[in-house]
C-alpha atoms as a PDB file:
ATOM      1  CA  MET A   1       0.000   0.000   0.000  1.00  0.00           C
ATOM      2  CA  SER A   2       1.125   3.556  -0.633  1.00  0.00           C
ATOM      3  CA  ASP A   3       2.408   5.794   2.127  1.00  0.00           C
ATOM      4  CA  PRO A   4      -0.398   8.113   3.273  1.00  0.00           C
ATOM      5  CA  GLY A   5       2.148  10.771   4.227  1.00  0.00           C
ATOM      6  CA  ALA A   6       3.732  10.914   0.703  1.00  0.00           C
ATOM      7  CA  PRO A   7       2.699  13.811  -1.528  1.00  0.00           C
ATOM      8  CA  ARG A   8       0.053  12.907  -3.995  1.00  0.00           C
ATOM      9  CA  ARG A   9       1.189  12.806  -7.660  1.00  0.00           C
ATOM     10  CA  GLN A  10      -0.580  15.104 -10.002  1.00  0.00           C
ATOM     11  CA  ARG A  11      -2.569  13.249 -12.579  1.00  0.00           C
ATOM     12  CA  PHE A  12      -3.220  14.305 -16.097  1.00  0.00           C
ATOM     13  CA  PRO A  13      -4.796  16.248 -17.622  1.00  0.00           C
ATOM     14  CA  LEU A  14      -3.437  19.421 -16.074  1.00  0.00           C
ATOM     15  CA  ASN A  15      -5.206  22.654 -16.732  1.00  0.00           C
ATOM     16  CA  LEU A  16      -3.344  25.586 -18.302  1.00  0.00           C
ATOM     17  CA  ALA A  17      -3.052  27.483 -14.987  1.00  0.00           C
ATOM     18  CA  GLN A  18      -1.387  24.538 -13.268  1.00  0.00           C
ATOM     19  CA  THR A  19       0.981  23.999 -16.254  1.00  0.00           C
ATOM     20  CA  ALA A  20       2.121  27.633 -16.224  1.00  0.00           C
ATOM     21  CA  SER A  21       2.763  27.617 -12.478  1.00  0.00           C
ATOM     22  CA  THR A  22       4.602  24.265 -12.415  1.00  0.00           C
ATOM     23  CA  PRO A  23       8.412  24.723 -12.231  1.00  0.00           C
ATOM     24  CA  ARG A  24      10.337  23.047 -15.089  1.00  0.00           C
ATOM     25  CA  ARG A  25      13.625  21.163 -14.837  1.00  0.00           C
ATOM     26  CA  LEU A  26      15.915  20.117 -17.750  1.00  0.00           C
ATOM     27  CA  VAL A  27      16.418  16.387 -17.733  1.00  0.00           C
ATOM     28  CA  ARG A  28      19.223  14.921 -19.804  1.00  0.00           C
ATOM     29  CA  ALA A  29      19.264  11.502 -21.323  1.00  0.00           C
ATOM     30  CA  PRO A  30      21.758   9.063 -19.832  1.00  0.00           C
ATOM     31  CA  HIS A  31      23.884   9.018 -23.057  1.00  0.00           C
ATOM     32  CA  GLU A  32      24.221  12.802 -23.272  1.00  0.00           C
ATOM     33  CA  LYS A  33      27.214  14.570 -21.737  1.00  0.00           C
ATOM     34  CA  GLU A  34      27.472  18.003 -20.299  1.00  0.00           C
ATOM     35  CA  ARG A  35      28.911  20.428 -22.860  1.00  0.00           C
ATOM     36  CA  PRO A  36      31.743  22.721 -21.769  1.00  0.00           C
ATOM     37  CA  ALA A  37      30.819  26.293 -20.960  1.00  0.00           C
ATOM     38  CA  ALA A  38      32.936  27.641 -23.859  1.00  0.00           C
ATOM     39  CA  GLU A  39      31.165  25.394 -26.346  1.00  0.00           C
ATOM     40  CA  ALA A  40      27.807  26.337 -24.949  1.00  0.00           C
ATOM     41  CA  ALA A  41      28.645  30.002 -25.446  1.00  0.00           C
ATOM     42  CA  THR A  42      30.149  29.765 -28.919  1.00  0.00           C
ATOM     43  CA  GLY A  43      28.089  26.912 -30.395  1.00  0.00           C
ATOM     44  CA  PRO A  44      29.013  23.401 -31.446  1.00  0.00           C
ATOM     45  CA  ALA A  45      32.607  22.634 -32.272  1.00  0.00           C
ATOM     46  CA  ALA A  46      33.665  22.292 -35.927  1.00  0.00           C
ATOM     47  CA  PRO A  47      33.781  18.708 -37.235  1.00  0.00           C
ATOM     48  CA  PRO A  48      37.221  17.120 -37.641  1.00  0.00           C
ATOM     49  CA  PRO A  49      38.854  17.484 -41.078  1.00  0.00           C
ATOM     50  CA  LEU A  50      38.014  14.833 -43.646  1.00  0.00           C
ATOM     51  CA  VAL A  51      40.876  12.438 -44.257  1.00  0.00           C
ATOM     52  CA  LEU A  52      40.877  10.425 -47.516  1.00  0.00           C
ATOM     53  CA  ARG A  53      42.401   6.997 -47.283  1.00  0.00           C
ATOM     54  CA  PRO A  54      43.024   4.731 -50.311  1.00  0.00           C
ATOM     55  CA  VAL A  55      40.605   1.876 -50.580  1.00  0.00           C
ATOM     56  CA  PRO A  56      42.312  -1.443 -51.301  1.00  0.00           C
ATOM     57  CA  VAL A  57      41.264  -2.932 -54.624  1.00  0.00           C
ATOM     58  CA  ALA A  58      40.268  -6.517 -54.586  1.00  0.00           C
ATOM     59  CA  GLN A  59      42.430  -8.882 -56.582  1.00  0.00           C
ATOM     60  CA  PRO A  60      40.835 -10.345 -59.738  1.00  0.00           C
ATOM     61  CA  VAL A  61      39.187 -13.647 -59.115  1.00  0.00           C
ATOM     62  CA  SER A  62      40.131 -16.429 -61.498  1.00  0.00           C
ATOM     63  CA  LEU A  63      37.190 -18.321 -62.888  1.00  0.00           C
ATOM     64  CA  ARG A  64      37.078 -22.020 -62.357  1.00  0.00           C
ATOM     65  CA  PRO A  65      37.229 -24.071 -65.560  1.00  0.00           C
ATOM     66  CA  ALA A  66      34.089 -25.846 -66.653  1.00  0.00           C
ATOM     67  CA  PRO A  67      33.804 -29.538 -65.852  1.00  0.00           C
ATOM     68  CA  ALA A  68      35.332 -31.877 -68.371  1.00  0.00           C
ATOM     69  CA  SER A  69      31.914 -33.302 -69.219  1.00  0.00           C
ATOM     70  CA  ARG A  70      30.697 -29.878 -70.368  1.00  0.00           C
ATOM     71  CA  ARG A  71      33.931 -28.809 -72.067  1.00  0.00           C
ATOM     72  CA  GLN A  72      34.591 -29.831 -75.657  1.00  0.00           C
ATOM     73  CA  GLU A  73      38.233 -30.537 -76.308  1.00  0.00           C
ATOM     74  CA  LYS A  74      39.573 -29.445 -79.700  1.00  0.00           C
ATOM     75  CA  PRO A  75      42.293 -31.455 -81.393  1.00  0.00           C
ATOM     76  CA  ALA A  76      45.703 -29.866 -81.589  1.00  0.00           C
ATOM     77  CA  ALA A  77      45.575 -29.743 -85.372  1.00  0.00           C
ATOM     78  CA  ALA A  78      42.324 -27.754 -85.355  1.00  0.00           C
ATOM     79  CA  ALA A  79      43.675 -25.340 -82.743  1.00  0.00           C
ATOM     80  CA  ARG A  80      46.368 -24.184 -85.098  1.00  0.00           C
ATOM     81  CA  ALA A  81      45.386 -21.342 -87.409  1.00  0.00           C
ATOM     82  CA  ALA A  82      44.563 -22.789 -90.813  1.00  0.00           C
ATOM     83  CA  PRO A  83      44.567 -20.753 -94.023  1.00  0.00           C
ATOM     84  CA  ALA A  84      41.196 -19.592 -95.274  1.00  0.00           C
ATOM     85  CA  PRO A  85      39.697 -21.987 -97.824  1.00  0.00           C
ATOM     86  CA  ARG A  86      39.857 -20.828-101.385  1.00  0.00           C
ATOM     87  CA  PRO A  87      36.509 -20.050-103.016  1.00  0.00           C
ATOM     88  CA  PRO A  88      35.618 -22.307-105.910  1.00  0.00           C
ATOM     89  CA  ALA A  89      36.887 -20.906-109.178  1.00  0.00           C
ATOM     90  CA  VAL A  90      34.051 -19.759-111.387  1.00  0.00           C
ATOM     91  CA  ALA A  91      36.098 -20.503-114.488  1.00  0.00           C
ATOM     92  CA  SER A  92      36.597 -24.172-113.580  1.00  0.00           C
ATOM     93  CA  ASP A  93      35.994 -26.097-116.768  1.00  0.00           C
ATOM     94  CA  GLY A  94      34.242 -29.427-116.385  1.00  0.00           C
ATOM     95  CA  LEU A  95      33.224 -31.981-118.957  1.00  0.00           C
ATOM     96  CA  GLY A  96      29.764 -30.442-119.197  1.00  0.00           C
ATOM     97  CA  HIS A  97      31.155 -27.020-120.061  1.00  0.00           C
ATOM     98  CA  THR A  98      33.525 -28.510-122.615  1.00  0.00           C
ATOM     99  CA  VAL A  99      30.704 -30.366-124.356  1.00  0.00           C
ATOM    100  CA  ALA A 100      28.422 -27.297-124.257  1.00  0.00           C
ATOM    101  CA  ARG A 101      31.185 -25.136-125.729  1.00  0.00           C
ATOM    102  CA  ALA A 102      31.788 -27.649-128.536  1.00  0.00           C
ATOM    103  CA  ARG A 103      28.077 -27.584-129.354  1.00  0.00           C
ATOM    104  CA  LEU A 104      28.187 -23.769-129.451  1.00  0.00           C
ATOM    105  CA  VAL A 105      31.054 -23.892-131.972  1.00  0.00           C
ATOM    106  CA  GLU A 106      29.112 -26.287-134.190  1.00  0.00           C
ATOM    107  CA  ARG A 107      26.079 -24.009-133.985  1.00  0.00           C
ATOM    108  CA  LEU A 108      28.188 -21.022-135.055  1.00  0.00           C
ATOM    109  CA  ARG A 109      29.609 -23.012-137.965  1.00  0.00           C
ATOM    110  CA  ALA A 110      26.108 -24.046-138.993  1.00  0.00           C
ATOM    111  CA  ASP A 111      24.993 -20.388-138.857  1.00  0.00           C
ATOM    112  CA  GLY A 112      27.647 -19.423-141.440  1.00  0.00           C
ATOM    113  CA  CYS A 113      30.880 -18.698-139.552  1.00  0.00           C
ATOM    114  CA  ARG A 114      33.719 -20.039-141.718  1.00  0.00           C
ATOM    115  CA  ASP A 115      36.747 -18.501-140.003  1.00  0.00           C
ATOM    116  CA  GLU A 116      38.439 -21.419-138.241  1.00  0.00           C
ATOM    117  CA  ALA A 117      40.613 -19.100-136.111  1.00  0.00           C
ATOM    118  CA  VAL A 118      37.472 -17.481-134.714  1.00  0.00           C
ATOM    119  CA  LEU A 119      35.881 -20.889-134.077  1.00  0.00           C
ATOM    120  CA  ARG A 120      39.014 -22.096-132.260  1.00  0.00           C
ATOM    121  CA  ALA A 121      38.928 -18.978-130.071  1.00  0.00           C
ATOM    122  CA  PHE A 122      35.296 -19.659-129.143  1.00  0.00           C
ATOM    123  CA  ALA A 123      36.227 -23.244-128.318  1.00  0.00           C
ATOM    124  CA  ALA A 124      38.998 -22.043-125.962  1.00  0.00           C
ATOM    125  CA  VAL A 125      37.333 -19.183-124.033  1.00  0.00           C
ATOM    126  CA  PRO A 126      34.988 -20.301-121.185  1.00  0.00           C
ATOM    127  CA  ARG A 127      31.920 -18.087-121.619  1.00  0.00           C
ATOM    128  CA  HIS A 128      30.450 -19.331-118.320  1.00  0.00           C
ATOM    129  CA  ALA A 129      33.262 -17.480-116.487  1.00  0.00           C
ATOM    130  CA  PHE A 130      31.917 -14.132-117.727  1.00  0.00           C
ATOM    131  CA  VAL A 131      28.272 -14.449-116.604  1.00  0.00           C
ATOM    132  CA  ASP A 132      26.640 -14.407-113.186  1.00  0.00           C
ATOM    133  CA  PRO A 133      26.625 -17.758-111.310  1.00  0.00           C
ATOM    134  CA  GLY A 134      22.842 -17.983-111.592  1.00  0.00           C
ATOM    135  CA  LEU A 135      23.064 -17.858-115.402  1.00  0.00           C
ATOM    136  CA  ILE A 136      25.804 -20.432-115.953  1.00  0.00           C
ATOM    137  CA  ALA A 137      23.278 -22.954-117.277  1.00  0.00           C
ATOM    138  CA  GLN A 138      22.512 -20.542-120.148  1.00  0.00           C
ATOM    139  CA  ALA A 139      26.115 -19.503-120.783  1.00  0.00           C
ATOM    140  CA  TYR A 140      26.494 -21.480-124.042  1.00  0.00           C
ATOM    141  CA  GLU A 141      23.148 -20.665-125.548  1.00  0.00           C
ATOM    142  CA  ASP A 142      23.117 -18.241-128.449  1.00  0.00           C
ATOM    143  CA  THR A 143      21.462 -15.488-126.439  1.00  0.00           C
ATOM    144  CA  ALA A 144      22.351 -12.232-124.692  1.00  0.00           C
ATOM    145  CA  LEU A 145      22.494 -12.361-120.883  1.00  0.00           C
ATOM    146  CA  PRO A 146      22.375  -9.524-118.301  1.00  0.00           C
ATOM    147  CA  ILE A 147      25.660  -8.622-116.611  1.00  0.00           C
ATOM    148  CA  GLY A 148      24.399  -5.784-114.385  1.00  0.00           C
ATOM    149  CA  LEU A 149      24.040  -2.012-114.626  1.00  0.00           C
ATOM    150  CA  GLY A 150      21.586  -2.423-117.496  1.00  0.00           C
ATOM    151  CA  GLN A 151      24.194  -4.057-119.757  1.00  0.00           C
ATOM    152  CA  THR A 152      24.327  -7.486-121.414  1.00  0.00           C
ATOM    153  CA  ILE A 153      26.851  -9.920-122.777  1.00  0.00           C
ATOM    154  CA  SER A 154      26.304 -10.104-126.524  1.00  0.00           C
ATOM    155  CA  LYS A 155      25.064 -13.209-128.322  1.00  0.00           C
ATOM    156  CA  PRO A 156      27.926 -15.518-129.333  1.00  0.00           C
ATOM    157  CA  SER A 157      26.802 -15.356-132.960  1.00  0.00           C
ATOM    158  CA  VAL A 158      27.038 -11.527-132.920  1.00  0.00           C
ATOM    159  CA  VAL A 159      30.532 -11.623-131.376  1.00  0.00           C
ATOM    160  CA  ALA A 160      31.675 -14.210-133.929  1.00  0.00           C
ATOM    161  CA  ARG A 161      30.296 -12.169-136.828  1.00  0.00           C
ATOM    162  CA  MET A 162      32.030  -8.947-135.712  1.00  0.00           C
ATOM    163  CA  ILE A 163      35.430 -10.642-135.310  1.00  0.00           C
ATOM    164  CA  GLU A 164      35.031 -12.493-138.597  1.00  0.00           C
ATOM    165  CA  LEU A 165      34.322  -9.229-140.461  1.00  0.00           C
ATOM    166  CA  LEU A 166      37.297  -7.606-138.738  1.00  0.00           C
ATOM    167  CA  ARG A 167      39.601 -10.340-139.980  1.00  0.00           C
ATOM    168  CA  ALA A 168      38.118 -10.093-143.513  1.00  0.00           C
ATOM    169  CA  ARG A 169      39.338  -6.510-143.980  1.00  0.00           C
ATOM    170  CA  PRO A 170      41.511  -5.679-147.012  1.00  0.00           C
ATOM    171  CA  GLY A 171      44.714  -5.724-144.928  1.00  0.00           C
ATOM    172  CA  GLY A 172      44.470  -9.469-144.327  1.00  0.00           C
ATOM    173  CA  PRO A 173      43.299 -11.671-141.453  1.00  0.00           C
ATOM    174  CA  ALA A 174      46.286 -10.995-139.187  1.00  0.00           C
ATOM    175  CA  LEU A 175      45.307  -8.486-136.519  1.00  0.00           C
ATOM    176  CA  GLY A 176      47.899  -6.306-134.804  1.00  0.00           C
ATOM    177  CA  ARG A 177      46.346  -3.763-132.428  1.00  0.00           C
ATOM    178  CA  VAL A 178      42.592  -3.848-131.818  1.00  0.00           C
ATOM    179  CA  LEU A 179      40.605  -1.207-129.927  1.00  0.00           C
ATOM    180  CA  GLU A 180      37.339  -2.327-128.325  1.00  0.00           C
ATOM    181  CA  ILE A 181      34.881   0.322-127.111  1.00  0.00           C
ATOM    182  CA  GLY A 182      32.721  -1.080-124.323  1.00  0.00           C
ATOM    183  CA  THR A 183      34.413  -3.917-122.428  1.00  0.00           C
ATOM    184  CA  GLY A 184      31.276  -5.075-120.633  1.00  0.00           C
ATOM    185  CA  CYS A 185      32.062  -8.373-118.953  1.00  0.00           C
ATOM    186  CA  GLY A 186      35.254  -8.824-121.037  1.00  0.00           C
ATOM    187  CA  TYR A 187      34.176 -11.876-123.007  1.00  0.00           C
ATOM    188  CA  GLN A 188      34.754 -10.411-126.462  1.00  0.00           C
ATOM    189  CA  ALA A 189      38.112  -8.973-125.366  1.00  0.00           C
ATOM    190  CA  ALA A 190      39.148 -12.472-124.280  1.00  0.00           C
ATOM    191  CA  VAL A 191      38.162 -13.922-127.657  1.00  0.00           C
ATOM    192  CA  LEU A 192      39.948 -11.094-129.485  1.00  0.00           C
ATOM    193  CA  ALA A 193      43.117 -11.763-127.489  1.00  0.00           C
ATOM    194  CA  LEU A 194      43.393 -15.156-129.220  1.00  0.00           C
ATOM    195  CA  VAL A 195      43.246 -13.723-132.762  1.00  0.00           C
ATOM    196  CA  ALA A 196      45.079 -10.383-132.345  1.00  0.00           C
ATOM    197  CA  ARG A 197      48.527  -9.358-131.145  1.00  0.00           C
ATOM    198  CA  HIS A 198      47.349  -6.548-128.800  1.00  0.00           C
ATOM    199  CA  VAL A 199      43.852  -5.730-127.540  1.00  0.00           C
ATOM    200  CA  TYR A 200      42.901  -2.392-125.954  1.00  0.00           C
ATOM    201  CA  THR A 201      39.461  -2.235-124.388  1.00  0.00           C
ATOM    202  CA  VAL A 202      37.682   0.695-122.715  1.00  0.00           C
ATOM    203  CA  GLU A 203      34.717   0.614-120.310  1.00  0.00           C
ATOM    204  CA  ARG A 204      32.900   3.758-119.124  1.00  0.00           C
ATOM    205  CA  LEU A 205      30.919   2.095-116.290  1.00  0.00           C
ATOM    206  CA  ARG A 206      33.096   1.799-113.202  1.00  0.00           C
ATOM    207  CA  GLY A 207      31.052  -1.111-111.778  1.00  0.00           C
ATOM    208  CA  LEU A 208      31.635  -3.258-114.839  1.00  0.00           C
ATOM    209  CA  PHE A 209      35.282  -2.231-114.956  1.00  0.00           C
ATOM    210  CA  ASP A 210      35.802  -3.386-111.344  1.00  0.00           C
ATOM    211  CA  ARG A 211      34.100  -6.704-111.982  1.00  0.00           C
END
């Protein structure tokens, strides 16, 4: 039981008159310390200067190799750098091309070409090497084929007729220097090179010249 002689504690709520007349006392928390009088008069002390210290950098971590079951071993021969494979030569001449070219020569002879030097040149030059890969099957037909930039490779019969007329000039069949205007794919220049001593050919389209 409480002591009857002890002063009775005031219970809340207090009215405003009692609050104003009640003396107040500053109570500090247990963790707070008494500030010096000089600091209390001048304000809080300045914080200590900031000191930068180097942060150690972690060493790189080596990765563990994958298990042998998940790692594919390459043979030593494959690990060595091998030269790049050569692309297949477009001008490779197989039996089919040889037969097709022989048939073209017979067709030219049947159409009226009588110059054997011209016919031998057509039998030697692989026309399929001067057309796009998608048109190789039509290379030895007597037809014009597109070569890009709006240009075509002339019909074999037209090429044979032009060279035959050139060799039938009054000066004789022997050709010294020949100037060709419009190289195109270069097929006619290649045929001319087998019946003339020197061939000069000019192409105005840079794309065809580069090809």
